[in-house]
Amino acid sequence: MRRSCRRSGLLSATVNRRRQKKLTKRLLSAVMFEGGAQVDLLLRAGADPSAADVDGTTPLYAACVQGNADVARRLLGAGAPPDAESAGLGAEGTPLCAAACWGHLDAVRTLLAHGADPNRREDHGTGLTPLEWATAGPHPETVAVLRAAGAH
């Protein structure tokens, strides 16, 4: 059985899926607890910067909730889409909405510089825009940056 699986590529595909799941889990952990050097190491090892964990949380969303613009830049540079929504329990919405909600100005600027849409409403969260989150914060500097980027 093992020989026929190996021949057909099933064993290799299963091993690759397991490896990818482990890398995804480790990447999210590195984003939340370890920082840039470990994130870079995992990205070089093949971690997918846009892959969500089992709860639906993406690494970029986690970085933006924490206001870690350095890690956000690394993830965006590795191909994480700036507008991809997280759908995790308690972690719903876009990275820009998360950064705006908490007033993380550097993360907001980083996302906008990488093409995040300042008018995109959350589909999985509240349905609010980044500007609405920043206004409710209240985070006047974040509001100003979003308006300068075309948010309305």
C-alpha atoms as a PDB file:
ATOM      1  CA  MET A   1       0.000   0.000   0.000  1.00  0.00           C
ATOM      2  CA  ARG A   2       2.734   2.468   0.989  1.00  0.00           C
ATOM      3  CA  ARG A   3       4.611   1.745  -2.233  1.00  0.00           C
ATOM      4  CA  SER A   4       1.538   2.436  -4.390  1.00  0.00           C
ATOM      5  CA  CYS A   5       0.799   5.644  -2.426  1.00  0.00           C
ATOM      6  CA  ARG A   6       4.366   6.782  -2.902  1.00  0.00           C
ATOM      7  CA  ARG A   7       4.193   6.018  -6.595  1.00  0.00           C
ATOM      8  CA  SER A   8       0.945   7.923  -7.047  1.00  0.00           C
ATOM      9  CA  GLY A   9       2.149  10.937  -5.062  1.00  0.00           C
ATOM     10  CA  LEU A  10      -0.523  10.624  -2.361  1.00  0.00           C
ATOM     11  CA  LEU A  11       2.015  10.202   0.426  1.00  0.00           C
ATOM     12  CA  SER A  12       3.970  13.226  -0.752  1.00  0.00           C
ATOM     13  CA  ALA A  13       0.814  15.350  -0.958  1.00  0.00           C
ATOM     14  CA  THR A  14      -0.230  14.327   2.567  1.00  0.00           C
ATOM     15  CA  VAL A  15       3.206  15.151   3.970  1.00  0.00           C
ATOM     16  CA  ASN A  16       3.179  18.534   2.202  1.00  0.00           C
ATOM     17  CA  ARG A  17      -0.295  19.367   3.587  1.00  0.00           C
ATOM     18  CA  ARG A  18       0.823  18.483   7.117  1.00  0.00           C
ATOM     19  CA  ARG A  19       3.997  20.535   6.746  1.00  0.00           C
ATOM     20  CA  GLN A  20       2.012  23.505   5.439  1.00  0.00           C
ATOM     21  CA  LYS A  21      -0.454  23.307   8.357  1.00  0.00           C
ATOM     22  CA  LYS A  22       2.438  23.275  10.834  1.00  0.00           C
ATOM     23  CA  LEU A  23       4.123  26.216   9.114  1.00  0.00           C
ATOM     24  CA  THR A  24       0.857  28.173   9.137  1.00  0.00           C
ATOM     25  CA  LYS A  25       0.382  27.561  12.846  1.00  0.00           C
ATOM     26  CA  ARG A  26       3.989  28.488  13.606  1.00  0.00           C
ATOM     27  CA  LEU A  27       3.770  31.641  11.465  1.00  0.00           C
ATOM     28  CA  LEU A  28       0.721  32.915  13.332  1.00  0.00           C
ATOM     29  CA  SER A  29       2.454  32.189  16.632  1.00  0.00           C
ATOM     30  CA  ALA A  30       5.586  34.029  15.467  1.00  0.00           C
ATOM     31  CA  VAL A  31       3.491  37.027  14.405  1.00  0.00           C
ATOM     32  CA  MET A  32       1.845  37.209  17.808  1.00  0.00           C
ATOM     33  CA  PHE A  33       4.739  36.354  20.111  1.00  0.00           C
ATOM     34  CA  GLU A  34       8.154  36.374  18.406  1.00  0.00           C
ATOM     35  CA  GLY A  35       8.477  39.121  15.812  1.00  0.00           C
ATOM     36  CA  GLY A  36      10.164  39.828  12.527  1.00  0.00           C
ATOM     37  CA  ALA A  37      13.206  37.547  12.503  1.00  0.00           C
ATOM     38  CA  GLN A  38      11.155  34.420  13.212  1.00  0.00           C
ATOM     39  CA  VAL A  39       8.484  35.514  10.722  1.00  0.00           C
ATOM     40  CA  ASP A  40      11.176  35.891   8.037  1.00  0.00           C
ATOM     41  CA  LEU A  41      12.587  32.463   8.855  1.00  0.00           C
ATOM     42  CA  LEU A  42       9.177  30.807   8.493  1.00  0.00           C
ATOM     43  CA  LEU A  43       8.380  32.682   5.282  1.00  0.00           C
ATOM     44  CA  ARG A  44      11.695  31.498   3.800  1.00  0.00           C
ATOM     45  CA  ALA A  45      10.794  27.948   4.882  1.00  0.00           C
ATOM     46  CA  GLY A  46       7.631  28.166   2.799  1.00  0.00           C
ATOM     47  CA  ALA A  47       4.943  29.409   5.188  1.00  0.00           C
ATOM     48  CA  ASP A  48       2.023  30.936   3.297  1.00  0.00           C
ATOM     49  CA  PRO A  49       1.634  34.571   4.451  1.00  0.00           C
ATOM     50  CA  SER A  50      -2.050  34.564   3.532  1.00  0.00           C
ATOM     51  CA  ALA A  51      -3.094  31.231   5.051  1.00  0.00           C
ATOM     52  CA  ALA A  52      -5.586  31.429   7.894  1.00  0.00           C
ATOM     53  CA  ASP A  53      -5.367  29.200  10.940  1.00  0.00           C
ATOM     54  CA  VAL A  54      -8.127  26.715  11.819  1.00  0.00           C
ATOM     55  CA  ASP A  55     -10.109  29.548  13.425  1.00  0.00           C
ATOM     56  CA  GLY A  56      -9.874  31.719  10.309  1.00  0.00           C
ATOM     57  CA  THR A  57      -7.356  34.275  11.597  1.00  0.00           C
ATOM     58  CA  THR A  58      -4.734  35.442   9.104  1.00  0.00           C
ATOM     59  CA  PRO A  59      -1.200  36.437  10.114  1.00  0.00           C
ATOM     60  CA  LEU A  60      -1.641  39.931   8.644  1.00  0.00           C
ATOM     61  CA  TYR A  61      -4.804  40.522  10.658  1.00  0.00           C
ATOM     62  CA  ALA A  62      -3.035  39.423  13.848  1.00  0.00           C
ATOM     63  CA  ALA A  63      -0.091  41.736  13.129  1.00  0.00           C
ATOM     64  CA  CYS A  64      -2.432  44.673  12.542  1.00  0.00           C
ATOM     65  CA  VAL A  65      -4.455  44.085  15.709  1.00  0.00           C
ATOM     66  CA  GLN A  66      -1.165  44.312  17.595  1.00  0.00           C
ATOM     67  CA  GLY A  67      -0.042  47.338  15.607  1.00  0.00           C
ATOM     68  CA  ASN A  68       3.093  45.548  14.453  1.00  0.00           C
ATOM     69  CA  ALA A  69       3.787  47.462  11.235  1.00  0.00           C
ATOM     70  CA  ASP A  70       7.203  45.811  10.812  1.00  0.00           C
ATOM     71  CA  VAL A  71       5.711  42.319  10.722  1.00  0.00           C
ATOM     72  CA  ALA A  72       2.837  43.558   8.531  1.00  0.00           C
ATOM     73  CA  ARG A  73       5.405  44.901   6.020  1.00  0.00           C
ATOM     74  CA  ARG A  74       7.190  41.549   5.969  1.00  0.00           C
ATOM     75  CA  LEU A  75       3.939  39.643   5.384  1.00  0.00           C
ATOM     76  CA  LEU A  76       2.791  42.051   2.665  1.00  0.00           C
ATOM     77  CA  GLY A  77       6.208  41.816   1.016  1.00  0.00           C
ATOM     78  CA  ALA A  78       5.854  38.030   0.992  1.00  0.00           C
ATOM     79  CA  GLY A  79       2.506  38.238  -0.786  1.00  0.00           C
ATOM     80  CA  ALA A  80      -0.172  38.584   1.896  1.00  0.00           C
ATOM     81  CA  PRO A  81      -3.142  40.373   0.307  1.00  0.00           C
ATOM     82  CA  PRO A  82      -3.785  43.675   2.128  1.00  0.00           C
ATOM     83  CA  ASP A  83      -7.581  43.374   2.026  1.00  0.00           C
ATOM     84  CA  ALA A  84      -7.979  39.670   2.893  1.00  0.00           C
ATOM     85  CA  GLU A  85     -10.477  39.247   5.713  1.00  0.00           C
ATOM     86  CA  SER A  86     -10.038  37.159   8.785  1.00  0.00           C
ATOM     87  CA  ALA A  87     -13.063  35.128   9.715  1.00  0.00           C
ATOM     88  CA  GLY A  88     -11.915  33.863  13.099  1.00  0.00           C
ATOM     89  CA  LEU A  89     -14.047  34.005  16.205  1.00  0.00           C
ATOM     90  CA  GLY A  90     -13.395  37.464  17.617  1.00  0.00           C
ATOM     91  CA  ALA A  91     -11.006  38.185  14.745  1.00  0.00           C
ATOM     92  CA  GLU A  92     -13.352  39.106  11.937  1.00  0.00           C
ATOM     93  CA  GLY A  93     -12.625  41.766   9.376  1.00  0.00           C
ATOM     94  CA  THR A  94      -9.903  43.324   7.304  1.00  0.00           C
ATOM     95  CA  PRO A  95      -6.403  44.121   8.519  1.00  0.00           C
ATOM     96  CA  LEU A  96      -7.031  47.828   7.841  1.00  0.00           C
ATOM     97  CA  CYS A  97     -10.205  47.807   9.944  1.00  0.00           C
ATOM     98  CA  ALA A  98      -8.284  46.118  12.767  1.00  0.00           C
ATOM     99  CA  ALA A  99      -5.445  48.644  12.665  1.00  0.00           C
ATOM    100  CA  ALA A 100      -7.873  51.581  12.405  1.00  0.00           C
ATOM    101  CA  CYS A 101     -10.015  50.290  15.268  1.00  0.00           C
ATOM    102  CA  TRP A 102      -7.044  50.310  17.631  1.00  0.00           C
ATOM    103  CA  GLY A 103      -5.484  53.478  16.225  1.00  0.00           C
ATOM    104  CA  HIS A 104      -2.301  51.755  15.069  1.00  0.00           C
ATOM    105  CA  LEU A 105      -1.177  54.534  12.753  1.00  0.00           C
ATOM    106  CA  ASP A 106       2.013  52.875  11.431  1.00  0.00           C
ATOM    107  CA  ALA A 107       0.099  49.713  10.538  1.00  0.00           C
ATOM    108  CA  VAL A 108      -2.602  51.799   8.816  1.00  0.00           C
ATOM    109  CA  ARG A 109       0.043  53.630   6.764  1.00  0.00           C
ATOM    110  CA  THR A 110       1.775  50.361   5.887  1.00  0.00           C
ATOM    111  CA  LEU A 111      -1.452  48.762   4.660  1.00  0.00           C
ATOM    112  CA  LEU A 112      -2.421  51.825   2.615  1.00  0.00           C
ATOM    113  CA  ALA A 113       1.067  51.925   1.056  1.00  0.00           C
ATOM    114  CA  HIS A 114       0.551  48.311  -0.026  1.00  0.00           C
ATOM    115  CA  GLY A 115      -2.807  48.987  -1.675  1.00  0.00           C
ATOM    116  CA  ALA A 116      -5.384  48.345   1.058  1.00  0.00           C
ATOM    117  CA  ASP A 117      -8.775  49.812   0.145  1.00  0.00           C
ATOM    118  CA  PRO A 118      -9.646  52.569   2.663  1.00  0.00           C
ATOM    119  CA  ASN A 119     -13.357  52.216   1.850  1.00  0.00           C
ATOM    120  CA  ARG A 120     -13.723  48.439   2.061  1.00  0.00           C
ATOM    121  CA  ARG A 121     -16.435  47.326   4.457  1.00  0.00           C
ATOM    122  CA  GLU A 122     -15.922  44.212   6.515  1.00  0.00           C
ATOM    123  CA  ASP A 123     -17.903  41.254   5.227  1.00  0.00           C
ATOM    124  CA  HIS A 124     -17.268  38.923   8.160  1.00  0.00           C
ATOM    125  CA  GLY A 125     -17.292  41.452  10.961  1.00  0.00           C
ATOM    126  CA  THR A 126     -19.489  44.419  11.715  1.00  0.00           C
ATOM    127  CA  GLY A 127     -19.852  45.745   8.185  1.00  0.00           C
ATOM    128  CA  LEU A 128     -17.976  48.910   9.157  1.00  0.00           C
ATOM    129  CA  THR A 129     -15.286  50.682   7.141  1.00  0.00           C
ATOM    130  CA  PRO A 130     -11.823  51.545   8.478  1.00  0.00           C
ATOM    131  CA  LEU A 131     -12.894  55.198   8.753  1.00  0.00           C
ATOM    132  CA  GLU A 132     -15.920  54.275  10.847  1.00  0.00           C
ATOM    133  CA  TRP A 133     -13.711  52.208  13.161  1.00  0.00           C
ATOM    134  CA  ALA A 134     -11.152  54.997  13.538  1.00  0.00           C
ATOM    135  CA  THR A 135     -13.878  57.574  14.196  1.00  0.00           C
ATOM    136  CA  ALA A 136     -15.456  55.378  16.878  1.00  0.00           C
ATOM    137  CA  GLY A 137     -12.031  54.817  18.481  1.00  0.00           C
ATOM    138  CA  PRO A 138     -11.692  57.815  18.650  1.00  0.00           C
ATOM    139  CA  HIS A 139      -8.395  58.028  16.793  1.00  0.00           C
ATOM    140  CA  PRO A 140      -8.261  61.457  15.064  1.00  0.00           C
ATOM    141  CA  GLU A 141      -4.785  60.954  13.547  1.00  0.00           C
ATOM    142  CA  THR A 142      -5.892  57.669  12.003  1.00  0.00           C
ATOM    143  CA  VAL A 143      -9.051  59.368  10.697  1.00  0.00           C
ATOM    144  CA  ALA A 144      -6.891  62.050   9.048  1.00  0.00           C
ATOM    145  CA  VAL A 145      -4.597  59.480   7.397  1.00  0.00           C
ATOM    146  CA  LEU A 146      -7.567  57.474   6.102  1.00  0.00           C
ATOM    147  CA  ARG A 147      -9.281  60.602   4.735  1.00  0.00           C
ATOM    148  CA  ALA A 148      -6.044  61.643   3.010  1.00  0.00           C
ATOM    149  CA  ALA A 149      -6.036  58.188   1.372  1.00  0.00           C
ATOM    150  CA  GLY A 150      -9.555  58.750   0.016  1.00  0.00           C
ATOM    151  CA  ALA A 151     -11.707  57.213   2.737  1.00  0.00           C
ATOM    152  CA  HIS A 152     -15.228  58.584   2.945  1.00  0.00           C
END
